[in-house]
Protein backbone atom coordinates (compact mmCIF):
# COMPACT_ATOMS: atom_id res chain seq x y z
CA MET A 1 0.21 -0.31 -0.12
CA ARG A 2 2.82 2.18 1.28
CA SER A 3 4.91 1.43 -2.14
CA SER A 4 1.57 2.38 -4.06
CA LEU A 5 0.87 5.67 -2.76
CA GLN A 6 4.69 6.50 -3.03
CA LYS A 7 4.53 5.76 -6.93
CA HIS A 8 1.17 7.50 -7.34
CA ALA A 9 2.58 10.60 -5.17
CA SER A 10 3.24 12.59 -8.05
CA THR A 11 -0.06 11.81 -9.94
CA SER A 12 -2.05 12.79 -7.29
CA ILE A 13 -0.36 15.99 -6.72
CA PHE A 14 -1.05 16.74 -10.33
CA LEU A 15 -4.40 15.83 -10.23
CA ALA A 16 -5.70 17.67 -7.01
CA PRO A 17 -6.05 20.73 -8.20
CA TYR A 18 -8.21 19.83 -11.25
CA LEU A 19 -10.32 17.35 -8.92
CA ILE A 20 -10.78 20.48 -6.58
CA PHE A 21 -12.29 22.68 -8.73
CA PHE A 22 -14.16 20.00 -10.73
CA PHE A 23 -15.94 18.49 -7.24
CA THR A 24 -16.39 22.19 -5.81
CA PHE A 25 -17.73 23.93 -9.07
CA ILE A 26 -19.28 21.14 -11.02
CA ILE A 27 -20.23 17.89 -8.54
CA ILE A 28 -21.58 20.11 -5.40
CA PRO A 29 -23.89 22.71 -7.99
CA VAL A 30 -25.53 19.77 -9.81
CA VAL A 31 -25.85 18.16 -6.39
CA VAL A 32 -27.43 20.62 -4.51
CA ALA A 33 -29.57 21.81 -7.79
CA ILE A 34 -30.99 18.06 -7.55
CA LEU A 35 -31.89 18.14 -4.13
CA LEU A 36 -33.64 22.05 -4.49
CA SER A 37 -35.77 20.49 -7.39
CA PHE A 38 -37.29 18.76 -4.50
CA THR A 39 -38.35 21.52 -2.69
CA TYR A 40 -40.06 24.98 -2.45
CA PHE A 41 -37.63 27.96 -2.21
CA ASN A 42 -38.16 31.35 -2.53
CA ALA A 43 -34.79 32.69 -1.51
CA ILE A 44 -35.57 34.02 1.85
CA GLU A 45 -37.50 31.65 4.05
CA MET A 46 -35.75 28.34 4.72
CA PRO A 47 -36.04 25.04 1.52
CA SER A 48 -39.28 22.71 2.47
CA PHE A 49 -39.50 19.37 1.05
CA ILE A 50 -42.46 19.20 -1.39
CA GLY A 51 -41.06 16.01 -3.21
CA LEU A 52 -41.77 15.72 -7.00
CA ALA A 53 -44.28 18.20 -6.92
CA ASN A 54 -41.78 20.76 -8.84
CA TYR A 55 -41.46 17.83 -11.91
CA VAL A 56 -45.28 17.30 -11.86
CA SER A 57 -46.23 20.85 -12.46
CA VAL A 58 -43.57 21.49 -14.59
CA LEU A 59 -44.65 18.37 -17.45
CA THR A 60 -48.36 18.62 -16.28
CA GLN A 61 -49.45 22.43 -15.60
CA ASP A 62 -46.63 25.08 -17.19
CA GLU A 63 -48.50 25.35 -20.31
CA VAL A 64 -46.20 27.57 -21.15
CA PHE A 65 -42.86 25.24 -20.97
CA MET A 66 -44.73 22.00 -22.58
CA GLN A 67 -46.26 24.53 -25.45
CA ARG A 68 -43.56 27.22 -26.48
CA VAL A 69 -40.47 26.46 -23.92
CA LEU A 70 -39.72 22.94 -25.07
CA PRO A 71 -40.72 23.05 -28.59
CA ASN A 72 -38.64 26.33 -28.79
CA THR A 73 -35.65 24.42 -27.54
CA LEU A 74 -35.76 21.38 -29.36
CA MET A 75 -36.15 22.89 -32.24
CA PHE A 76 -33.52 25.40 -31.96
CA ALA A 77 -31.41 22.39 -30.79
CA VAL A 78 -32.50 20.20 -33.65
CA ILE A 79 -31.03 23.37 -36.38
CA VAL A 80 -28.45 24.77 -34.78
CA GLY A 81 -26.39 22.20 -33.35
CA PRO A 82 -26.25 19.22 -36.36
CA GLY A 83 -26.50 22.77 -37.85
CA GLY A 84 -23.51 24.86 -36.65
CA TYR A 85 -21.33 21.00 -36.43
CA VAL A 86 -22.10 19.83 -39.51
CA LEU A 87 -20.91 23.45 -40.54
CA SER A 88 -17.64 23.73 -38.26
CA PHE A 89 -16.41 20.23 -40.30
CA ILE A 90 -17.74 21.99 -44.03
CA LEU A 91 -15.55 24.86 -43.01
CA ALA A 92 -12.59 22.95 -41.24
CA TRP A 93 -11.95 20.35 -44.09
CA MET A 94 -12.15 23.34 -47.10
CA LEU A 95 -9.17 25.27 -44.79
CA ALA A 96 -7.38 22.63 -44.89
CA GLN A 97 -6.98 22.33 -48.83
CA ILE A 98 -5.51 25.81 -48.66
CA SER A 99 -1.60 26.96 -47.69
CA ARG A 100 -1.03 27.47 -44.23
CA LEU A 101 -1.50 31.74 -43.93
CA PRO A 102 -4.58 32.18 -45.68
CA ARG A 103 -5.90 29.18 -43.34
CA THR A 104 -4.52 30.43 -40.54
CA ILE A 105 -6.26 34.64 -41.48
CA LEU A 106 -9.20 32.68 -42.28
CA ALA A 107 -9.69 30.96 -39.26
CA LEU A 108 -8.66 33.30 -37.04
CA ILE A 109 -11.77 35.34 -38.88
CA ILE A 110 -14.00 32.12 -38.48
CA TYR A 111 -13.01 31.59 -35.03
CA SER A 112 -13.27 35.04 -34.03
CA PRO A 113 -16.92 35.76 -33.46
CA SER A 114 -17.48 32.81 -31.12
CA MET A 115 -14.77 34.48 -28.41
CA THR A 116 -17.06 37.81 -28.63
CA ALA A 117 -19.34 38.04 -25.35
CA GLY A 118 -23.22 36.59 -26.00
CA ILE A 119 -24.35 40.68 -25.17
CA ALA A 120 -21.69 41.90 -26.90
CA MET A 121 -22.75 39.88 -30.03
CA ALA A 122 -26.36 40.98 -29.69
CA VAL A 123 -25.57 44.80 -29.92
CA VAL A 124 -24.35 43.98 -33.35
CA TRP A 125 -27.07 42.58 -34.27
CA THR A 126 -29.33 44.46 -32.86
CA ILE A 127 -28.20 47.58 -35.26
CA ILE A 128 -28.66 45.32 -38.30
CA PHE A 129 -32.60 43.85 -37.11
CA SER A 130 -33.70 47.17 -35.55
CA GLY A 131 -36.88 48.13 -36.01
CA ASP A 132 -37.23 51.66 -37.08
CA GLN A 133 -35.75 52.83 -40.15
CA THR A 134 -32.28 53.29 -39.46
CA GLY A 135 -31.52 49.68 -39.47
CA TYR A 136 -29.64 47.48 -41.75
CA LEU A 137 -31.89 45.90 -43.25
CA ASN A 138 -35.10 47.89 -42.97
CA SER A 139 -32.77 50.53 -44.52
CA ILE A 140 -31.75 48.19 -47.55
CA LEU A 141 -35.16 46.52 -47.53
CA ILE A 142 -36.82 49.81 -48.58
CA THR A 143 -34.56 51.24 -50.54
CA ILE A 144 -34.78 48.18 -52.82
CA GLY A 145 -39.03 48.61 -52.44
CA ILE A 146 -39.42 44.67 -51.27
CA ILE A 147 -41.14 46.80 -47.70
CA PHE A 148 -42.48 50.16 -47.75
CA GLU A 149 -42.25 50.45 -43.61
CA PRO A 150 -40.39 48.80 -41.33
CA ILE A 151 -40.79 45.87 -39.50
CA GLN A 152 -40.25 44.89 -35.90
CA TRP A 153 -38.24 41.75 -36.57
CA LEU A 154 -36.72 41.42 -32.68
CA GLN A 155 -40.35 41.92 -31.59
CA SER A 156 -41.84 39.72 -33.83
CA PRO A 157 -42.75 35.91 -33.01
CA ASP A 158 -43.09 35.30 -36.47
CA HIS A 159 -39.16 36.36 -36.85
CA LEU A 160 -37.40 36.54 -33.46
CA MET A 161 -36.37 32.66 -33.76
CA THR A 162 -35.22 32.74 -37.08
CA ILE A 163 -32.73 35.56 -36.06
CA MET A 164 -31.46 33.64 -33.01
CA ILE A 165 -30.58 30.92 -35.17
CA VAL A 166 -28.93 32.59 -37.81
CA VAL A 167 -27.08 34.53 -34.68
CA THR A 168 -26.15 31.99 -32.82
CA LEU A 169 -24.85 29.61 -36.27
CA TRP A 170 -22.89 33.17 -37.09
CA GLY A 171 -20.78 32.75 -33.64
CA SER A 172 -21.25 28.82 -33.47
CA MET A 173 -17.84 28.14 -34.85
CA GLY A 174 -15.43 27.47 -31.59
CA VAL A 175 -13.22 24.94 -29.85
CA GLY A 176 -15.20 22.74 -31.82
CA PHE A 177 -14.65 24.31 -35.46
CA LEU A 178 -10.34 24.20 -34.17
CA ALA A 179 -10.70 20.55 -33.10
CA MET A 180 -11.77 19.38 -36.27
CA LEU A 181 -9.05 21.88 -38.19
CA SER A 182 -6.49 20.30 -36.12
CA GLY A 183 -8.07 16.64 -36.78
CA VAL A 184 -7.90 17.06 -40.56
CA LEU A 185 -4.44 18.53 -41.13
CA ASN A 186 -3.57 15.65 -38.93
CA ILE A 187 -4.51 12.94 -40.97
CA ASN A 188 -1.68 11.24 -42.25
CA LYS A 189 -1.71 11.56 -46.39
CA GLU A 190 -0.09 8.26 -47.26
CA ILE A 191 -3.62 7.07 -46.02
CA TYR A 192 -5.36 9.02 -48.30
CA GLU A 193 -2.87 7.48 -51.32
CA ALA A 194 -4.10 4.31 -50.29
CA GLY A 195 -7.39 5.08 -50.46
CA TYR A 196 -7.25 5.54 -53.72
CA ILE A 197 -5.45 2.61 -55.05
CA ASP A 198 -8.04 0.74 -53.08
CA GLY A 199 -11.19 1.88 -54.89
CA ILE A 200 -11.59 5.64 -53.86
CA LYS A 201 -12.85 7.21 -56.97
CA ASN A 202 -13.31 11.29 -55.97
CA ARG A 203 -13.60 13.74 -52.26
CA PHE A 204 -16.74 12.79 -51.38
CA GLN A 205 -15.80 9.34 -50.98
CA GLU A 206 -12.61 10.24 -49.45
CA ILE A 207 -14.37 12.07 -46.84
CA ILE A 208 -16.83 9.29 -46.33
CA TYR A 209 -14.14 6.22 -46.18
CA ILE A 210 -11.05 8.00 -44.22
CA THR A 211 -11.46 11.68 -43.17
CA ILE A 212 -14.44 11.36 -41.03
CA PRO A 213 -13.20 7.56 -39.63
CA SER A 214 -9.80 9.18 -38.89
CA MET A 215 -11.23 12.00 -36.81
CA LYS A 216 -13.77 10.30 -34.81
CA PRO A 217 -12.20 11.94 -31.30
CA GLN A 218 -12.41 15.33 -32.96
CA MET A 219 -15.58 14.88 -34.37
CA LEU A 220 -17.08 13.20 -30.71
CA PHE A 221 -15.11 16.32 -29.22
CA GLY A 222 -16.66 18.94 -31.41
CA ALA A 223 -20.80 16.99 -31.34
CA VAL A 224 -20.57 17.34 -27.51
CA MET A 225 -19.40 20.77 -27.59
CA ALA A 226 -21.99 21.43 -30.16
CA VAL A 227 -24.75 19.70 -28.00
CA VAL A 228 -23.60 21.96 -24.68
CA GLY A 229 -23.71 24.98 -26.49
CA THR A 230 -26.87 24.60 -28.28
CA PHE A 231 -28.19 23.46 -24.97
CA GLN A 232 -26.75 26.58 -22.72
CA ALA A 233 -28.29 28.93 -25.04
CA GLY A 234 -30.50 31.35 -24.27
CA ALA A 235 -28.93 34.76 -23.08
CA ILE A 236 -29.24 35.58 -27.02
CA GLY A 237 -32.73 36.06 -27.16
CA VAL A 238 -33.16 38.22 -24.33
CA ALA A 239 -30.69 40.43 -25.42
CA LEU A 240 -32.04 40.48 -28.81
CA SER A 241 -35.66 41.23 -27.90
CA GLY A 242 -34.65 43.02 -24.90
CA ALA A 243 -37.36 41.38 -22.55
CA ASN A 244 -37.58 38.09 -20.81
CA PRO A 245 -39.80 36.54 -21.33
CA THR A 246 -38.82 37.14 -25.18
CA PRO A 247 -42.35 38.64 -26.72
CA GLN A 248 -45.40 36.11 -26.89
CA TYR A 249 -42.56 33.40 -25.75
CA ALA A 250 -41.55 33.08 -29.50
CA GLY A 251 -37.50 32.99 -28.53
CA GLN A 252 -37.92 32.05 -25.20
CA LEU A 253 -35.72 28.66 -24.38
CA MET A 254 -35.18 26.07 -21.39
CA VAL A 255 -32.38 28.49 -20.24
CA ASN A 256 -34.84 31.59 -20.13
CA HIS A 257 -37.50 29.91 -18.91
CA LEU A 258 -35.23 29.13 -16.10
CA GLU A 259 -33.85 32.49 -15.31
CA ASP A 260 -36.97 33.93 -15.54
CA TYR A 261 -38.18 31.41 -12.52
CA GLY A 262 -35.29 31.85 -10.41
CA PHE A 263 -33.87 35.57 -10.57
CA ILE A 264 -37.34 36.97 -11.66
CA ARG A 265 -39.80 35.56 -9.96
CA TYR A 266 -37.22 33.80 -6.85
CA GLU A 267 -38.76 30.66 -7.93
CA MET A 268 -35.57 28.69 -6.82
CA GLY A 269 -37.10 24.97 -6.55
CA TYR A 270 -39.17 25.27 -9.38
CA ALA A 271 -35.89 26.63 -11.59
CA ALA A 272 -33.95 23.61 -9.67
CA ALA A 273 -35.94 20.87 -11.46
CA ILE A 274 -36.17 22.92 -14.97
CA SER A 275 -31.97 22.95 -14.44
CA VAL A 276 -32.29 19.15 -13.62
CA LEU A 277 -34.86 18.44 -16.85
CA LEU A 278 -31.88 20.54 -19.07
CA LEU A 279 -29.28 18.49 -17.42
CA LEU A 280 -30.79 15.58 -18.87
CA PHE A 281 -31.33 16.54 -21.92
CA VAL A 282 -27.51 17.42 -22.60
CA TYR A 283 -27.03 13.90 -21.27
CA ILE A 284 -28.84 12.31 -23.26
CA PHE A 285 -27.76 14.25 -26.96
CA SER A 286 -24.47 13.59 -25.19
CA LYS A 287 -25.01 10.25 -25.34
CA ILE A 288 -25.90 9.90 -28.69
CA ALA A 289 -22.85 11.59 -29.87
CA TRP A 290 -20.65 9.50 -28.13
CA ARG A 291 -22.72 6.01 -30.22
CA LEU A 292 -21.93 8.09 -33.21
CA PHE A 293 -18.22 9.18 -32.63
CA GLY A 294 -17.10 7.10 -29.53
CA GLU A 295 -14.97 4.43 -30.17
CA LYS A 296 -16.49 0.76 -30.47
CA ASP A 297 -15.49 -1.77 -27.84
């Protein structure tokens, strides 16, 4: 036992900071959220245990959640998640086909929006979609005669979700994109040569049979990051519309619903139940990504 402890002492020392922070900022908050989800807690009085009442209320009595928030979140996740993921791979593959200097410059340009805070990013897009004649989109459409009066893009239930999807896709080329670019660049060129000898005839077959199978770890990482980033999104809708809830709940996602109950209504137990459901969604979609791109036993 002593020799084993001495052997792994250095490993434990190096892992200790990570384990301490992971336990403090991940494990403990998740456990506390799960416990609070079974209570009524208004942030003033002590939590009181109410069992599964919060979950029953969310799934059977919260019409806004079931009719607007959940469909909005699933639609947003289905479009932005796979859409941003496929776009990341396509851009990474295209950049890998050009020389190093322009590839580096273009990669920085594509990656830079993901480094911008959501609120700051929303300011730029708010100017573009402003509801008066000074808004860039309204000004252009009026000038060319497509519309004759300004459209309230960010207050319209018909347009808000579409704008949220466009803005989120624009800023979704983050570390997942960089991982895919690294994966494509590190594939051994001899594998491609062997593939063409074995019968590969075009670039599409090259991508399907060589590129994607050769970079499964990067594909898995990109998929997980896309899932997490998609379900965490929500601030962009509130920032664009300027309200939580968003107009007629058109852009209301689970994160917005959680913040509405937790930080506006101070129903912390109910908000904790929503956060646990959100965690379950992230876990389920992450498992799907693992099934698709994880190493098979």
